[in-house]
Amino acid sequence: MRFLAWIDALSTWTGKIARWLGLALSCAVLYEVVSRYLFNSPTIWAFDVAMMLTSILCLMPAAYLLKENAHIRVDVLLAMFPRRVQQAIECVFYLVCFFPFTLVMVWYGTRAARFAWMAGEISNTSQWGESIAWWKAMLPLAFLLLFLQGVAGFIRLLATMAKPADSAEEVAS
């Protein structure tokens, strides 16, 4: 299953890149605070950079978190069912909620990013006036990565469900 390994590697890679964005965000905010309060010289770019980095930092690691099963889950009711029923419910969730939602976000995010590129859309939150098309392109990219990791998880779930109950734990790892 080289395709699944490729998706996992892509998710890990984007998760590692995203963690460096946290450092970049901290540096941008620190620079703004020092400039504003120590030198009385605020920047025109730090707010937009912080806003963009924060949103990207929230979106891009989603696929990595799904791969690591690190998203917050409230599975109090799910835990009451046998493992096979849990897997069936998870399968239905992928088909009814996860895949449609991620595909809708890719579709509409791509439309918004395309419009931003074509119109030369700029930020209206500062005097900096930077292009925000690349920033808008992060939304469909992040959801495409999340969709791909979901496909890998769904395939693994199906493989686990196809195995007999005693060997199902081996497939999951």
N, C-alpha and C. Protein backbone atom coordinates (compact mmCIF):
# COMPACT_ATOMS: atom_id res chain seq x y z
N MET A 1 0.83 -1.18 0.00
CA MET A 1 0.00 0.00 0.00
C MET A 1 0.88 1.25 0.00
N ARG A 2 1.61 1.42 -1.09
CA ARG A 2 2.52 2.56 -1.21
C ARG A 2 1.76 3.88 -1.24
N PHE A 3 0.54 3.86 -1.79
CA PHE A 3 -0.26 5.07 -1.85
C PHE A 3 -0.57 5.58 -0.45
N LEU A 4 -0.92 4.68 0.46
CA LEU A 4 -1.21 5.07 1.83
C LEU A 4 0.04 5.59 2.53
N ALA A 5 1.17 4.97 2.28
CA ALA A 5 2.43 5.43 2.86
C ALA A 5 2.78 6.82 2.33
N TRP A 6 2.51 7.06 1.05
CA TRP A 6 2.77 8.37 0.46
C TRP A 6 1.89 9.44 1.11
N ILE A 7 0.61 9.13 1.31
CA ILE A 7 -0.30 10.08 1.96
C ILE A 7 0.17 10.35 3.39
N ASP A 8 0.55 9.32 4.11
CA ASP A 8 1.05 9.49 5.48
C ASP A 8 2.30 10.37 5.50
N ALA A 9 3.21 10.13 4.56
CA ALA A 9 4.44 10.93 4.50
C ALA A 9 4.12 12.39 4.17
N LEU A 10 3.17 12.61 3.28
CA LEU A 10 2.76 13.97 2.93
C LEU A 10 2.15 14.68 4.14
N SER A 11 1.32 13.98 4.87
CA SER A 11 0.70 14.56 6.06
C SER A 11 1.75 14.87 7.13
N THR A 12 2.69 13.98 7.31
CA THR A 12 3.77 14.20 8.28
C THR A 12 4.60 15.41 7.87
N TRP A 13 4.93 15.49 6.59
CA TRP A 13 5.73 16.59 6.06
C TRP A 13 5.03 17.93 6.27
N THR A 14 3.74 18.01 5.95
CA THR A 14 3.02 19.27 6.13
C THR A 14 2.86 19.60 7.61
N GLY A 15 2.72 18.59 8.45
CA GLY A 15 2.66 18.84 9.90
C GLY A 15 3.96 19.40 10.43
N LYS A 16 5.08 18.90 9.92
CA LYS A 16 6.38 19.42 10.35
C LYS A 16 6.60 20.84 9.87
N ILE A 17 6.16 21.14 8.67
CA ILE A 17 6.28 22.52 8.17
C ILE A 17 5.39 23.45 9.00
N ALA A 18 4.19 23.00 9.30
CA ALA A 18 3.25 23.84 10.04
C ALA A 18 3.78 24.19 11.43
N ARG A 19 4.51 23.30 12.04
CA ARG A 19 5.01 23.63 13.38
C ARG A 19 6.02 24.77 13.32
N TRP A 20 6.74 24.91 12.21
CA TRP A 20 7.66 26.02 12.06
C TRP A 20 6.91 27.34 11.86
N LEU A 21 5.69 27.26 11.38
CA LEU A 21 4.90 28.47 11.25
C LEU A 21 4.58 29.06 12.63
N GLY A 22 4.50 28.23 13.63
CA GLY A 22 4.31 28.72 14.99
C GLY A 22 5.48 29.60 15.43
N LEU A 23 6.67 29.19 15.07
CA LEU A 23 7.85 29.99 15.38
C LEU A 23 7.82 31.31 14.60
N ALA A 24 7.46 31.24 13.32
CA ALA A 24 7.37 32.45 12.50
C ALA A 24 6.31 33.40 13.06
N LEU A 25 5.19 32.85 13.50
CA LEU A 25 4.14 33.66 14.10
C LEU A 25 4.65 34.34 15.37
N SER A 26 5.32 33.60 16.21
CA SER A 26 5.87 34.18 17.44
C SER A 26 6.86 35.30 17.14
N CYS A 27 7.70 35.10 16.13
CA CYS A 27 8.67 36.13 15.76
C CYS A 27 7.99 37.38 15.23
N ALA A 28 6.97 37.21 14.41
CA ALA A 28 6.25 38.37 13.87
C ALA A 28 5.57 39.16 14.97
N VAL A 29 4.92 38.47 15.89
CA VAL A 29 4.24 39.16 16.99
C VAL A 29 5.26 39.81 17.92
N LEU A 30 6.35 39.13 18.22
CA LEU A 30 7.39 39.71 19.07
C LEU A 30 7.98 40.96 18.42
N TYR A 31 8.23 40.89 17.13
CA TYR A 31 8.77 42.05 16.41
C TYR A 31 7.81 43.23 16.50
N GLU A 32 6.53 42.97 16.32
CA GLU A 32 5.53 44.04 16.40
C GLU A 32 5.46 44.64 17.79
N VAL A 33 5.48 43.80 18.81
CA VAL A 33 5.41 44.29 20.18
C VAL A 33 6.64 45.15 20.51
N VAL A 34 7.81 44.68 20.15
CA VAL A 34 9.03 45.44 20.40
C VAL A 34 9.01 46.76 19.62
N SER A 35 8.63 46.70 18.35
CA SER A 35 8.58 47.91 17.53
C SER A 35 7.58 48.92 18.07
N ARG A 36 6.43 48.42 18.46
CA ARG A 36 5.36 49.32 18.92
C ARG A 36 5.64 49.91 20.30
N TYR A 37 6.03 49.09 21.25
CA TYR A 37 6.11 49.56 22.63
C TYR A 37 7.50 50.03 23.07
N LEU A 38 8.54 49.53 22.45
CA LEU A 38 9.88 50.01 22.82
C LEU A 38 10.35 51.16 21.93
N PHE A 39 9.98 51.10 20.64
CA PHE A 39 10.46 52.12 19.71
C PHE A 39 9.35 53.04 19.21
N ASN A 40 8.12 52.82 19.69
CA ASN A 40 6.97 53.65 19.27
C ASN A 40 6.87 53.74 17.74
N SER A 41 7.10 52.61 17.09
CA SER A 41 7.10 52.56 15.63
C SER A 41 6.40 51.28 15.15
N PRO A 42 5.07 51.25 15.22
CA PRO A 42 4.36 50.03 14.80
C PRO A 42 4.53 49.75 13.32
N THR A 43 4.42 48.49 12.98
CA THR A 43 4.56 48.09 11.58
C THR A 43 3.20 48.10 10.89
N ILE A 44 3.21 48.11 9.56
CA ILE A 44 1.95 48.03 8.82
C ILE A 44 1.66 46.60 8.37
N TRP A 45 2.59 45.70 8.63
CA TRP A 45 2.45 44.35 8.11
C TRP A 45 2.22 43.27 9.17
N ALA A 46 2.59 43.53 10.41
CA ALA A 46 2.60 42.46 11.42
C ALA A 46 1.21 41.89 11.71
N PHE A 47 0.19 42.73 11.75
CA PHE A 47 -1.15 42.22 12.03
C PHE A 47 -1.59 41.23 10.95
N ASP A 48 -1.42 41.61 9.68
CA ASP A 48 -1.83 40.72 8.59
C ASP A 48 -1.01 39.44 8.57
N VAL A 49 0.29 39.55 8.81
CA VAL A 49 1.14 38.36 8.84
C VAL A 49 0.70 37.44 9.97
N ALA A 50 0.43 38.00 11.13
CA ALA A 50 -0.01 37.19 12.27
C ALA A 50 -1.35 36.53 11.98
N MET A 51 -2.27 37.27 11.36
CA MET A 51 -3.58 36.70 11.04
C MET A 51 -3.44 35.55 10.03
N MET A 52 -2.63 35.76 9.01
CA MET A 52 -2.44 34.73 8.00
C MET A 52 -1.74 33.50 8.56
N LEU A 53 -0.69 33.72 9.32
CA LEU A 53 0.03 32.58 9.90
C LEU A 53 -0.83 31.82 10.90
N THR A 54 -1.64 32.53 11.67
CA THR A 54 -2.52 31.85 12.62
C THR A 54 -3.52 30.96 11.91
N SER A 55 -4.14 31.49 10.86
CA SER A 55 -5.13 30.67 10.15
C SER A 55 -4.48 29.48 9.46
N ILE A 56 -3.31 29.68 8.88
CA ILE A 56 -2.62 28.56 8.23
C ILE A 56 -2.18 27.54 9.28
N LEU A 57 -1.74 28.04 10.43
CA LEU A 57 -1.32 27.16 11.51
C LEU A 57 -2.48 26.32 12.05
N CYS A 58 -3.68 26.83 11.95
CA CYS A 58 -4.86 26.07 12.37
C CYS A 58 -5.31 25.06 11.31
N LEU A 59 -5.08 25.37 10.04
CA LEU A 59 -5.58 24.51 8.96
C LEU A 59 -4.59 23.42 8.53
N MET A 60 -3.36 23.78 8.30
CA MET A 60 -2.42 22.87 7.65
C MET A 60 -2.10 21.59 8.43
N PRO A 61 -2.02 21.62 9.75
CA PRO A 61 -1.72 20.36 10.44
C PRO A 61 -2.90 19.41 10.59
N ALA A 62 -4.05 19.76 10.06
CA ALA A 62 -5.24 18.92 10.25
C ALA A 62 -5.03 17.50 9.71
N ALA A 63 -4.39 17.38 8.56
CA ALA A 63 -4.16 16.04 8.00
C ALA A 63 -3.20 15.24 8.89
N TYR A 64 -2.17 15.91 9.38
CA TYR A 64 -1.23 15.24 10.28
C TYR A 64 -1.93 14.79 11.56
N LEU A 65 -2.78 15.65 12.10
CA LEU A 65 -3.51 15.28 13.32
C LEU A 65 -4.45 14.11 13.07
N LEU A 66 -5.07 14.06 11.89
CA LEU A 66 -5.93 12.92 11.56
C LEU A 66 -5.09 11.65 11.46
N LYS A 67 -3.94 11.76 10.84
CA LYS A 67 -3.04 10.60 10.73
C LYS A 67 -2.65 10.08 12.11
N GLU A 68 -2.37 10.97 13.03
CA GLU A 68 -1.95 10.59 14.37
C GLU A 68 -3.12 10.32 15.30
N ASN A 69 -4.34 10.46 14.79
CA ASN A 69 -5.55 10.28 15.58
C ASN A 69 -5.53 11.21 16.81
N ALA A 70 -5.13 12.46 16.57
CA ALA A 70 -4.94 13.41 17.66
C ALA A 70 -6.03 14.47 17.73
N HIS A 71 -7.03 14.39 16.86
CA HIS A 71 -8.14 15.34 16.95
C HIS A 71 -8.95 15.05 18.20
N ILE A 72 -9.53 16.07 18.75
CA ILE A 72 -10.36 15.90 19.94
C ILE A 72 -11.62 15.14 19.54
N ARG A 73 -11.92 14.10 20.29
CA ARG A 73 -13.11 13.30 20.03
C ARG A 73 -13.90 13.13 21.31
N VAL A 74 -15.19 13.26 21.18
CA VAL A 74 -16.08 12.96 22.30
C VAL A 74 -16.79 11.67 21.91
N ASP A 75 -16.25 10.58 22.37
CA ASP A 75 -16.77 9.27 21.95
C ASP A 75 -17.35 8.50 23.12
N VAL A 76 -18.01 9.20 24.00
CA VAL A 76 -18.61 8.55 25.17
C VAL A 76 -19.62 7.49 24.73
N LEU A 77 -20.50 7.87 23.79
CA LEU A 77 -21.50 6.92 23.31
C LEU A 77 -20.87 5.84 22.43
N LEU A 78 -19.94 6.24 21.60
CA LEU A 78 -19.30 5.29 20.69
C LEU A 78 -18.58 4.18 21.47
N ALA A 79 -17.99 4.53 22.59
CA ALA A 79 -17.24 3.55 23.38
C ALA A 79 -18.13 2.47 23.99
N MET A 80 -19.43 2.70 24.03
CA MET A 80 -20.34 1.71 24.60
C MET A 80 -20.62 0.56 23.64
N PHE A 81 -20.32 0.75 22.37
CA PHE A 81 -20.62 -0.27 21.36
C PHE A 81 -19.44 -1.22 21.19
N PRO A 82 -19.70 -2.42 20.68
CA PRO A 82 -18.60 -3.32 20.34
C PRO A 82 -17.73 -2.72 19.22
N ARG A 83 -16.51 -3.20 19.13
CA ARG A 83 -15.54 -2.65 18.16
C ARG A 83 -16.08 -2.66 16.73
N ARG A 84 -16.74 -3.71 16.32
CA ARG A 84 -17.28 -3.80 14.95
C ARG A 84 -18.34 -2.74 14.69
N VAL A 85 -19.17 -2.46 15.67
CA VAL A 85 -20.20 -1.43 15.53
C VAL A 85 -19.53 -0.06 15.47
N GLN A 86 -18.50 0.14 16.28
CA GLN A 86 -17.75 1.39 16.24
C GLN A 86 -17.16 1.63 14.85
N GLN A 87 -16.61 0.57 14.28
CA GLN A 87 -16.02 0.69 12.94
C GLN A 87 -17.09 1.00 11.90
N ALA A 88 -18.25 0.39 12.01
CA ALA A 88 -19.33 0.65 11.07
C ALA A 88 -19.82 2.11 11.18
N ILE A 89 -19.94 2.60 12.40
CA ILE A 89 -20.35 3.99 12.62
C ILE A 89 -19.30 4.93 12.05
N GLU A 90 -18.03 4.62 12.26
CA GLU A 90 -16.96 5.44 11.72
C GLU A 90 -16.98 5.44 10.19
N CYS A 91 -17.26 4.30 9.61
CA CYS A 91 -17.37 4.19 8.15
C CYS A 91 -18.50 5.07 7.62
N VAL A 92 -19.65 5.02 8.27
CA VAL A 92 -20.78 5.87 7.87
C VAL A 92 -20.43 7.34 8.03
N PHE A 93 -19.73 7.68 9.12
CA PHE A 93 -19.31 9.06 9.33
C PHE A 93 -18.43 9.55 8.19
N TYR A 94 -17.45 8.73 7.79
CA TYR A 94 -16.60 9.12 6.66
C TYR A 94 -17.43 9.41 5.42
N LEU A 95 -18.37 8.51 5.12
CA LEU A 95 -19.14 8.65 3.88
C LEU A 95 -20.17 9.77 3.93
N VAL A 96 -20.80 9.98 5.06
CA VAL A 96 -21.89 10.95 5.15
C VAL A 96 -21.40 12.35 5.53
N CYS A 97 -20.40 12.43 6.38
CA CYS A 97 -19.96 13.74 6.89
C CYS A 97 -18.59 14.17 6.38
N PHE A 98 -17.59 13.34 6.62
CA PHE A 98 -16.21 13.75 6.38
C PHE A 98 -15.92 14.03 4.90
N PHE A 99 -16.16 13.05 4.04
CA PHE A 99 -15.84 13.24 2.63
C PHE A 99 -16.65 14.36 1.98
N PRO A 100 -17.97 14.42 2.18
CA PRO A 100 -18.70 15.55 1.58
C PRO A 100 -18.21 16.91 2.08
N PHE A 101 -17.97 17.02 3.39
CA PHE A 101 -17.53 18.31 3.94
C PHE A 101 -16.18 18.73 3.37
N THR A 102 -15.21 17.83 3.37
CA THR A 102 -13.89 18.20 2.86
C THR A 102 -13.93 18.53 1.38
N LEU A 103 -14.72 17.80 0.62
CA LEU A 103 -14.83 18.10 -0.82
C LEU A 103 -15.52 19.43 -1.08
N VAL A 104 -16.52 19.76 -0.30
CA VAL A 104 -17.18 21.06 -0.43
C VAL A 104 -16.18 22.18 -0.10
N MET A 105 -15.40 21.99 0.94
CA MET A 105 -14.41 23.01 1.30
C MET A 105 -13.33 23.15 0.23
N VAL A 106 -12.92 22.05 -0.38
CA VAL A 106 -11.95 22.13 -1.48
C VAL A 106 -12.58 22.87 -2.66
N TRP A 107 -13.81 22.52 -3.00
CA TRP A 107 -14.49 23.13 -4.14
C TRP A 107 -14.66 24.64 -3.96
N TYR A 108 -15.29 25.04 -2.88
CA TYR A 108 -15.55 26.47 -2.67
C TYR A 108 -14.28 27.24 -2.34
N GLY A 109 -13.36 26.61 -1.64
CA GLY A 109 -12.08 27.26 -1.37
C GLY A 109 -11.29 27.51 -2.64
N THR A 110 -11.34 26.56 -3.56
CA THR A 110 -10.67 26.73 -4.85
C THR A 110 -11.30 27.86 -5.64
N ARG A 111 -12.61 27.94 -5.61
CA ARG A 111 -13.31 29.03 -6.30
C ARG A 111 -12.91 30.39 -5.72
N ALA A 112 -12.86 30.48 -4.41
CA ALA A 112 -12.49 31.74 -3.75
C ALA A 112 -11.03 32.11 -4.05
N ALA A 113 -10.15 31.13 -4.02
CA ALA A 113 -8.74 31.39 -4.31
C ALA A 113 -8.55 31.78 -5.77
N ARG A 114 -9.24 31.11 -6.65
CA ARG A 114 -9.15 31.44 -8.07
C ARG A 114 -9.62 32.87 -8.33
N PHE A 115 -10.73 33.24 -7.71
CA PHE A 115 -11.22 34.61 -7.87
C PHE A 115 -10.20 35.61 -7.32
N ALA A 116 -9.60 35.30 -6.18
CA ALA A 116 -8.62 36.20 -5.58
C ALA A 116 -7.41 36.38 -6.49
N TRP A 117 -6.97 35.28 -7.13
CA TRP A 117 -5.83 35.38 -8.06
C TRP A 117 -6.21 36.22 -9.28
N MET A 118 -7.39 35.94 -9.82
CA MET A 118 -7.81 36.65 -11.03
C MET A 118 -8.07 38.14 -10.77
N ALA A 119 -8.62 38.47 -9.63
CA ALA A 119 -8.97 39.85 -9.31
C ALA A 119 -7.80 40.62 -8.70
N GLY A 120 -6.74 39.92 -8.35
CA GLY A 120 -5.63 40.58 -7.68
C GLY A 120 -6.03 41.12 -6.32
N GLU A 121 -6.82 40.33 -5.61
CA GLU A 121 -7.38 40.75 -4.32
C GLU A 121 -6.27 41.06 -3.32
N ILE A 122 -6.44 42.17 -2.60
CA ILE A 122 -5.48 42.57 -1.58
C ILE A 122 -6.18 42.66 -0.24
N SER A 123 -5.39 42.69 0.81
CA SER A 123 -5.93 42.77 2.16
C SER A 123 -6.54 44.15 2.40
N ASN A 124 -7.65 44.16 3.11
CA ASN A 124 -8.27 45.43 3.46
C ASN A 124 -8.18 45.69 4.95
N THR A 125 -7.31 44.98 5.64
CA THR A 125 -7.20 45.16 7.09
C THR A 125 -6.01 46.02 7.49
N SER A 126 -5.17 46.38 6.53
CA SER A 126 -4.01 47.22 6.86
C SER A 126 -3.64 48.08 5.66
N GLN A 127 -2.68 48.93 5.88
CA GLN A 127 -2.18 49.78 4.79
C GLN A 127 -1.14 49.06 3.95
N TRP A 128 -0.79 47.89 4.36
CA TRP A 128 0.25 47.15 3.65
C TRP A 128 -0.19 46.82 2.23
N GLY A 129 -1.43 46.40 2.07
CA GLY A 129 -2.00 46.13 0.76
C GLY A 129 -1.41 44.93 0.04
N GLU A 130 -1.06 43.90 0.79
CA GLU A 130 -0.46 42.71 0.19
C GLU A 130 -1.51 41.84 -0.49
N SER A 131 -1.07 41.04 -1.42
CA SER A 131 -1.96 40.09 -2.09
C SER A 131 -2.36 39.00 -1.11
N ILE A 132 -3.63 38.62 -1.14
CA ILE A 132 -4.08 37.56 -0.24
C ILE A 132 -4.50 36.30 -1.00
N ALA A 133 -4.22 36.28 -2.30
CA ALA A 133 -4.60 35.11 -3.09
C ALA A 133 -3.89 33.85 -2.60
N TRP A 134 -2.61 33.96 -2.30
CA TRP A 134 -1.87 32.77 -1.81
C TRP A 134 -2.45 32.28 -0.49
N TRP A 135 -2.89 33.23 0.34
CA TRP A 135 -3.46 32.89 1.64
C TRP A 135 -4.79 32.17 1.45
N LYS A 136 -5.60 32.67 0.52
CA LYS A 136 -6.88 32.01 0.25
C LYS A 136 -6.67 30.63 -0.36
N ALA A 137 -5.56 30.42 -1.04
CA ALA A 137 -5.26 29.11 -1.63
C ALA A 137 -4.93 28.07 -0.57
N MET A 138 -4.59 28.50 0.63
CA MET A 138 -4.26 27.57 1.71
C MET A 138 -5.49 26.78 2.16
N LEU A 139 -6.68 27.37 2.08
CA LEU A 139 -7.90 26.68 2.52
C LEU A 139 -8.16 25.42 1.69
N PRO A 140 -8.25 25.51 0.36
CA PRO A 140 -8.49 24.26 -0.38
C PRO A 140 -7.31 23.29 -0.29
N LEU A 141 -6.10 23.81 -0.19
CA LEU A 141 -4.94 22.93 -0.06
C LEU A 141 -5.00 22.14 1.25
N ALA A 142 -5.30 22.83 2.34
CA ALA A 142 -5.38 22.14 3.64
C ALA A 142 -6.50 21.10 3.64
N PHE A 143 -7.64 21.44 3.06
CA PHE A 143 -8.74 20.47 3.04
C PHE A 143 -8.48 19.34 2.05
N LEU A 144 -7.72 19.60 0.99
CA LEU A 144 -7.34 18.51 0.09
C LEU A 144 -6.42 17.53 0.81
N LEU A 145 -5.46 18.06 1.57
CA LEU A 145 -4.59 17.19 2.36
C LEU A 145 -5.38 16.40 3.39
N LEU A 146 -6.34 17.07 4.02
CA LEU A 146 -7.20 16.39 5.00
C LEU A 146 -8.03 15.30 4.33
N PHE A 147 -8.56 15.60 3.14
CA PHE A 147 -9.34 14.61 2.37
C PHE A 147 -8.47 13.38 2.06
N LEU A 148 -7.24 13.63 1.58
CA LEU A 148 -6.35 12.51 1.24
C LEU A 148 -6.05 11.65 2.46
N GLN A 149 -5.79 12.30 3.60
CA GLN A 149 -5.53 11.52 4.81
C GLN A 149 -6.79 10.77 5.24
N GLY A 150 -7.95 11.37 4.99
CA GLY A 150 -9.21 10.68 5.26
C GLY A 150 -9.39 9.45 4.39
N VAL A 151 -8.98 9.57 3.13
CA VAL A 151 -9.04 8.41 2.22
C VAL A 151 -8.16 7.29 2.78
N ALA A 152 -6.95 7.63 3.22
CA ALA A 152 -6.05 6.62 3.78
C ALA A 152 -6.68 5.99 5.03
N GLY A 153 -7.25 6.81 5.88
CA GLY A 153 -7.89 6.27 7.09
C GLY A 153 -9.09 5.40 6.76
N PHE A 154 -9.86 5.81 5.76
CA PHE A 154 -11.03 5.04 5.36
C PHE A 154 -10.63 3.69 4.78
N ILE A 155 -9.59 3.68 3.95
CA ILE A 155 -9.10 2.42 3.38
C ILE A 155 -8.60 1.49 4.49
N ARG A 156 -7.90 2.05 5.45
CA ARG A 156 -7.42 1.24 6.58
C ARG A 156 -8.60 0.72 7.41
N LEU A 157 -9.61 1.55 7.57
CA LEU A 157 -10.80 1.12 8.31
C LEU A 157 -11.49 -0.03 7.59
N LEU A 158 -11.64 0.09 6.27
CA LEU A 158 -12.25 -1.00 5.50
C LEU A 158 -11.43 -2.27 5.58
N ALA A 159 -10.10 -2.13 5.52
CA ALA A 159 -9.23 -3.31 5.62
C ALA A 159 -9.37 -3.96 6.99
N THR A 160 -9.49 -3.15 8.02
CA THR A 160 -9.67 -3.68 9.38
C THR A 160 -11.01 -4.39 9.50
N MET A 161 -12.05 -3.83 8.89
CA MET A 161 -13.38 -4.43 8.97
C MET A 161 -13.45 -5.74 8.18
N ALA A 162 -12.61 -5.87 7.15
CA ALA A 162 -12.64 -7.07 6.33
C ALA A 162 -11.94 -8.25 7.00
N LYS A 163 -11.09 -7.97 7.95
CA LYS A 163 -10.36 -9.03 8.65
C LYS A 163 -11.25 -9.66 9.72
N PRO A 164 -10.96 -10.89 10.06
CA PRO A 164 -11.67 -11.50 11.20
C PRO A 164 -11.42 -10.70 12.46
N ALA A 165 -12.32 -10.80 13.39
CA ALA A 165 -12.28 -9.98 14.61
C ALA A 165 -10.96 -10.14 15.39
N ASP A 166 -10.37 -11.33 15.40
CA ASP A 166 -9.15 -11.55 16.20
C ASP A 166 -7.92 -10.92 15.55
N SER A 167 -7.89 -10.77 14.21
CA SER A 167 -6.71 -10.20 13.55
C SER A 167 -6.94 -8.74 13.13
N ALA A 168 -8.06 -8.18 13.51
CA ALA A 168 -8.37 -6.79 13.11
C ALA A 168 -7.39 -5.79 13.73
N GLU A 169 -6.85 -6.06 14.90
CA GLU A 169 -5.94 -5.14 15.56
C GLU A 169 -4.62 -5.04 14.82
N GLU A 170 -4.20 -6.14 14.12
CA GLU A 170 -2.93 -6.13 13.38
C GLU A 170 -3.00 -5.16 12.20
N VAL A 171 -4.13 -5.06 11.50
CA VAL A 171 -4.27 -4.21 10.33
C VAL A 171 -4.25 -2.75 10.74
N ALA A 172 -4.80 -2.43 11.89
CA ALA A 172 -4.92 -1.04 12.33
C ALA A 172 -3.56 -0.41 12.59
N SER A 173 -2.57 -1.20 12.93
CA SER A 173 -1.25 -0.62 13.24
C SER A 173 -0.37 -0.43 12.04
